[in-house]
């Protein structure tokens, strides 16, 4: 069932999708040094959100 749900219109199935560029950590990521606060490159790329 999962294969049928993820097949695209031309009938092919991407069983091992490549990593999306948006999911990759930006080269200038500095989140580790911010005590849980996201760095701007990660916020801009949509990987993390700013806290309220």
PDB file of N, CA and C in Angstrom:
ATOM      1  N   UNK A   1       0.811  -1.197   0.000  1.00  0.00           N
ATOM      2  CA  UNK A   1       0.000   0.000   0.000  1.00  0.00           C
ATOM      3  C   UNK A   1       0.853   1.259   0.000  1.00  0.00           C
ATOM      4  N   UNK A   2       1.931   1.269   0.758  1.00  0.00           N
ATOM      5  CA  UNK A   2       2.776   2.462   0.826  1.00  0.00           C
ATOM      6  C   UNK A   2       3.380   2.768  -0.531  1.00  0.00           C
ATOM      7  N   UNK A   3       3.761   1.735  -1.267  1.00  0.00           N
ATOM      8  CA  UNK A   3       4.347   1.944  -2.588  1.00  0.00           C
ATOM      9  C   UNK A   3       3.339   2.574  -3.532  1.00  0.00           C
ATOM     10  N   UNK A   4       2.107   2.162  -3.442  1.00  0.00           N
ATOM     11  CA  UNK A   4       1.068   2.726  -4.298  1.00  0.00           C
ATOM     12  C   UNK A   4       0.824   4.183  -3.942  1.00  0.00           C
ATOM     13  N   UNK A   5       0.852   4.502  -2.664  1.00  0.00           N
ATOM     14  CA  UNK A   5       0.604   5.878  -2.227  1.00  0.00           C
ATOM     15  C   UNK A   5       1.727   6.823  -2.617  1.00  0.00           C
ATOM     16  N   UNK A   6       2.969   6.327  -2.718  1.00  0.00           N
ATOM     17  CA  UNK A   6       4.087   7.211  -3.008  1.00  0.00           C
ATOM     18  C   UNK A   6       4.501   7.205  -4.469  1.00  0.00           C
ATOM     19  N   UNK A   7       3.874   6.393  -5.295  1.00  0.00           N
ATOM     20  CA  UNK A   7       4.185   6.388  -6.727  1.00  0.00           C
ATOM     21  C   UNK A   7       3.695   7.693  -7.347  1.00  0.00           C
ATOM     22  N   UNK A   8       4.434   8.190  -8.322  1.00  0.00           N
ATOM     23  CA  UNK A   8       4.026   9.434  -8.978  1.00  0.00           C
ATOM     24  C   UNK A   8       3.226   9.125 -10.234  1.00  0.00           C
ATOM     25  N   UNK A   9       2.738  10.145 -10.900  1.00  0.00           N
ATOM     26  CA  UNK A   9       1.819   9.987 -12.028  1.00  0.00           C
ATOM     27  C   UNK A   9       2.351   9.126 -13.164  1.00  0.00           C
ATOM     28  N   UNK A  10       3.665   9.139 -13.397  1.00  0.00           N
ATOM     29  CA  UNK A  10       4.180   8.359 -14.526  1.00  0.00           C
ATOM     30  C   UNK A  10       4.405   6.886 -14.165  1.00  0.00           C
ATOM     31  N   UNK A  11       4.006   6.474 -12.949  1.00  0.00           N
ATOM     32  CA  UNK A  11       4.079   5.080 -12.566  1.00  0.00           C
ATOM     33  C   UNK A  11       5.398   4.665 -11.943  1.00  0.00           C
ATOM     34  N   UNK A  12       6.333   5.602 -11.756  1.00  0.00           N
ATOM     35  CA  UNK A  12       7.606   5.246 -11.149  1.00  0.00           C
ATOM     36  C   UNK A  12       7.536   5.442  -9.640  1.00  0.00           C
ATOM     37  N   UNK A  13       8.433   4.802  -8.947  1.00  0.00           N
ATOM     38  CA  UNK A  13       8.494   4.894  -7.503  1.00  0.00           C
ATOM     39  C   UNK A  13       9.915   5.232  -7.100  1.00  0.00           C
ATOM     40  N   UNK A  14      10.069   6.258  -6.293  1.00  0.00           N
ATOM     41  CA  UNK A  14      11.385   6.640  -5.796  1.00  0.00           C
ATOM     42  C   UNK A  14      11.576   5.963  -4.448  1.00  0.00           C
ATOM     43  N   UNK A  15      12.091   4.713  -4.466  1.00  0.00           N
ATOM     44  CA  UNK A  15      12.200   3.909  -3.251  1.00  0.00           C
ATOM     45  C   UNK A  15      13.232   4.464  -2.285  1.00  0.00           C
ATOM     46  N   UNK A  16      14.282   5.072  -2.787  1.00  0.00           N
ATOM     47  CA  UNK A  16      15.335   5.649  -1.960  1.00  0.00           C
ATOM     48  C   UNK A  16      15.539   7.101  -2.362  1.00  0.00           C
ATOM     49  N   UNK A  17      14.642   7.984  -1.908  1.00  0.00           N
ATOM     50  CA  UNK A  17      14.747   9.390  -2.309  1.00  0.00           C
ATOM     51  C   UNK A  17      16.048  10.010  -1.810  1.00  0.00           C
ATOM     52  N   UNK A  18      16.601  10.882  -2.625  1.00  0.00           N
ATOM     53  CA  UNK A  18      17.825  11.566  -2.227  1.00  0.00           C
ATOM     54  C   UNK A  18      17.495  12.618  -1.185  1.00  0.00           C
ATOM     55  N   UNK A  19      18.500  13.012  -0.424  1.00  0.00           N
ATOM     56  CA  UNK A  19      18.301  14.015   0.606  1.00  0.00           C
ATOM     57  C   UNK A  19      17.988  15.353  -0.046  1.00  0.00           C
ATOM     58  N   UNK A  20      16.972  16.004   0.459  1.00  0.00           N
ATOM     59  CA  UNK A  20      16.560  17.301  -0.050  1.00  0.00           C
ATOM     60  C   UNK A  20      17.566  18.361   0.371  1.00  0.00           C
ATOM     61  N   UNK A  21      17.840  19.321  -0.487  1.00  0.00           N
ATOM     62  CA  UNK A  21      18.766  20.393  -0.128  1.00  0.00           C
ATOM     63  C   UNK A  21      18.251  21.192   1.057  1.00  0.00           C
ATOM     64  N   UNK A  22      16.912  21.334   1.183  1.00  0.00           N
ATOM     65  CA  UNK A  22      16.343  22.092   2.286  1.00  0.00           C
ATOM     66  C   UNK A  22      16.561  21.407   3.628  1.00  0.00           C
ATOM     67  N   UNK A  23      16.701  20.074   3.605  1.00  0.00           N
ATOM     68  CA  UNK A  23      16.904  19.332   4.843  1.00  0.00           C
ATOM     69  C   UNK A  23      18.357  19.353   5.297  1.00  0.00           C
ATOM     70  N   UNK A  24      19.253  19.675   4.400  1.00  0.00           N
ATOM     71  CA  UNK A  24      20.674  19.679   4.742  1.00  0.00           C
ATOM     72  C   UNK A  24      20.979  20.868   5.650  1.00  0.00           C
ATOM     73  N   UNK A  25      21.863  20.661   6.584  1.00  0.00           N
ATOM     74  CA  UNK A  25      22.251  21.733   7.498  1.00  0.00           C
ATOM     75  C   UNK A  25      23.065  22.781   6.749  1.00  0.00           C
ATOM     76  N   UNK A  26      22.718  24.063   6.873  1.00  0.00           N
ATOM     77  CA  UNK A  26      23.494  25.109   6.200  1.00  0.00           C
ATOM     78  C   UNK A  26      24.947  25.083   6.671  1.00  0.00           C
ATOM     79  N   UNK A  27      25.859  25.435   5.782  1.00  0.00           N
ATOM     80  CA  UNK A  27      27.283  25.422   6.115  1.00  0.00           C
ATOM     81  C   UNK A  27      27.610  26.372   7.260  1.00  0.00           C
ATOM     82  N   UNK A  28      26.875  27.481   7.355  1.00  0.00           N
ATOM     83  CA  UNK A  28      27.163  28.470   8.387  1.00  0.00           C
ATOM     84  C   UNK A  28      26.268  28.306   9.624  1.00  0.00           C
ATOM     85  N   UNK A  29      25.765  27.078   9.865  1.00  0.00           N
ATOM     86  CA  UNK A  29      24.927  26.799  11.027  1.00  0.00           C
ATOM     87  C   UNK A  29      25.756  26.929  12.304  1.00  0.00           C
ATOM     88  N   UNK A  30      25.180  27.645  13.285  1.00  0.00           N
ATOM     89  CA  UNK A  30      25.852  27.835  14.556  1.00  0.00           C
ATOM     90  C   UNK A  30      24.886  27.557  15.711  1.00  0.00           C
ATOM     91  N   UNK A  31      23.901  26.678  15.478  1.00  0.00           N
ATOM     92  CA  UNK A  31      22.894  26.401  16.498  1.00  0.00           C
ATOM     93  C   UNK A  31      23.489  25.761  17.750  1.00  0.00           C
ATOM     94  N   UNK A  32      24.542  24.979  17.611  1.00  0.00           N
ATOM     95  CA  UNK A  32      25.115  24.283  18.760  1.00  0.00           C
ATOM     96  C   UNK A  32      25.592  25.242  19.839  1.00  0.00           C
ATOM     97  N   UNK A  33      26.057  26.400  19.481  1.00  0.00           N
ATOM     98  CA  UNK A  33      26.574  27.343  20.453  1.00  0.00           C
ATOM     99  C   UNK A  33      25.543  28.323  20.984  1.00  0.00           C
ATOM    100  N   UNK A  34      24.261  28.110  20.688  1.00  0.00           N
ATOM    101  CA  UNK A  34      23.236  29.082  21.063  1.00  0.00           C
ATOM    102  C   UNK A  34      22.271  28.571  22.137  1.00  0.00           C
ATOM    103  N   UNK A  35      22.629  27.512  22.840  1.00  0.00           N
ATOM    104  CA  UNK A  35      21.816  26.970  23.939  1.00  0.00           C
ATOM    105  C   UNK A  35      20.365  26.708  23.540  1.00  0.00           C
ATOM    106  N   UNK A  36      20.145  26.063  22.415  1.00  0.00           N
ATOM    107  CA  UNK A  36      18.812  25.696  21.975  1.00  0.00           C
ATOM    108  C   UNK A  36      18.116  26.725  21.104  1.00  0.00           C
ATOM    109  N   UNK A  37      18.675  27.923  20.999  1.00  0.00           N
ATOM    110  CA  UNK A  37      18.093  28.959  20.141  1.00  0.00           C
ATOM    111  C   UNK A  37      18.566  28.715  18.716  1.00  0.00           C
ATOM    112  N   UNK A  38      17.701  28.817  17.708  1.00  0.00           N
ATOM    113  CA  UNK A  38      18.122  28.546  16.337  1.00  0.00           C
ATOM    114  C   UNK A  38      18.948  29.687  15.745  1.00  0.00           C
ATOM    115  N   UNK A  39      19.922  29.345  14.933  1.00  0.00           N
ATOM    116  CA  UNK A  39      20.707  30.374  14.243  1.00  0.00           C
ATOM    117  C   UNK A  39      19.910  30.889  13.043  1.00  0.00           C
ATOM    118  N   UNK A  40      20.264  32.060  12.565  1.00  0.00           N
ATOM    119  CA  UNK A  40      19.523  32.676  11.468  1.00  0.00           C
ATOM    120  C   UNK A  40      19.572  31.844  10.188  1.00  0.00           C
ATOM    121  N   UNK A  41      20.704  31.244   9.782  1.00  0.00           N
ATOM    122  CA  UNK A  41      20.697  30.431   8.556  1.00  0.00           C
ATOM    123  C   UNK A  41      19.688  29.279   8.616  1.00  0.00           C
ATOM    124  N   UNK A  42      19.508  28.657   9.782  1.00  0.00           N
ATOM    125  CA  UNK A  42      18.530  27.570   9.907  1.00  0.00           C
ATOM    126  C   UNK A  42      17.098  28.096   9.858  1.00  0.00           C
ATOM    127  N   UNK A  43      16.864  29.265  10.459  1.00  0.00           N
ATOM    128  CA  UNK A  43      15.533  29.874  10.405  1.00  0.00           C
ATOM    129  C   UNK A  43      15.206  30.275   8.972  1.00  0.00           C
ATOM    130  N   UNK A  44      16.155  30.898   8.300  1.00  0.00           N
ATOM    131  CA  UNK A  44      15.953  31.349   6.923  1.00  0.00           C
ATOM    132  C   UNK A  44      15.698  30.168   5.988  1.00  0.00           C
ATOM    133  N   UNK A  45      16.373  29.036   6.223  1.00  0.00           N
ATOM    134  CA  UNK A  45      16.218  27.858   5.375  1.00  0.00           C
ATOM    135  C   UNK A  45      14.944  27.078   5.712  1.00  0.00           C
ATOM    136  N   UNK A  46      14.283  27.439   6.821  1.00  0.00           N
ATOM    137  CA  UNK A  46      13.047  26.751   7.204  1.00  0.00           C
ATOM    138  C   UNK A  46      13.286  25.479   7.995  1.00  0.00           C
ATOM    139  N   UNK A  47      14.505  25.242   8.446  1.00  0.00           N
ATOM    140  CA  UNK A  47      14.806  24.045   9.227  1.00  0.00           C
ATOM    141  C   UNK A  47      14.319  24.177  10.656  1.00  0.00           C
ATOM    142  N   UNK A  48      14.342  25.397  11.182  1.00  0.00           N
ATOM    143  CA  UNK A  48      13.918  25.647  12.570  1.00  0.00           C
ATOM    144  C   UNK A  48      13.119  26.925  12.613  1.00  0.00           C
ATOM    145  N   UNK A  49      12.310  27.076  13.677  1.00  0.00           N
ATOM    146  CA  UNK A  49      11.504  28.274  13.841  1.00  0.00           C
ATOM    147  C   UNK A  49      11.981  29.052  15.059  1.00  0.00           C
ATOM    148  N   UNK A  50      11.797  30.361  14.997  1.00  0.00           N
ATOM    149  CA  UNK A  50      12.126  31.204  16.150  1.00  0.00           C
ATOM    150  C   UNK A  50      11.085  30.964  17.246  1.00  0.00           C
ATOM    151  N   UNK A  51      11.518  30.918  18.502  1.00  0.00           N
ATOM    152  CA  UNK A  51      10.543  30.766  19.590  1.00  0.00           C
ATOM    153  C   UNK A  51       9.708  32.035  19.730  1.00  0.00           C
ATOM    154  N   UNK A  52       8.520  31.866  20.247  1.00  0.00           N
ATOM    155  CA  UNK A  52       7.615  33.027  20.440  1.00  0.00           C
ATOM    156  C   UNK A  52       8.046  33.881  21.575  1.00  0.00           C
TER     157      UNK A  52
END
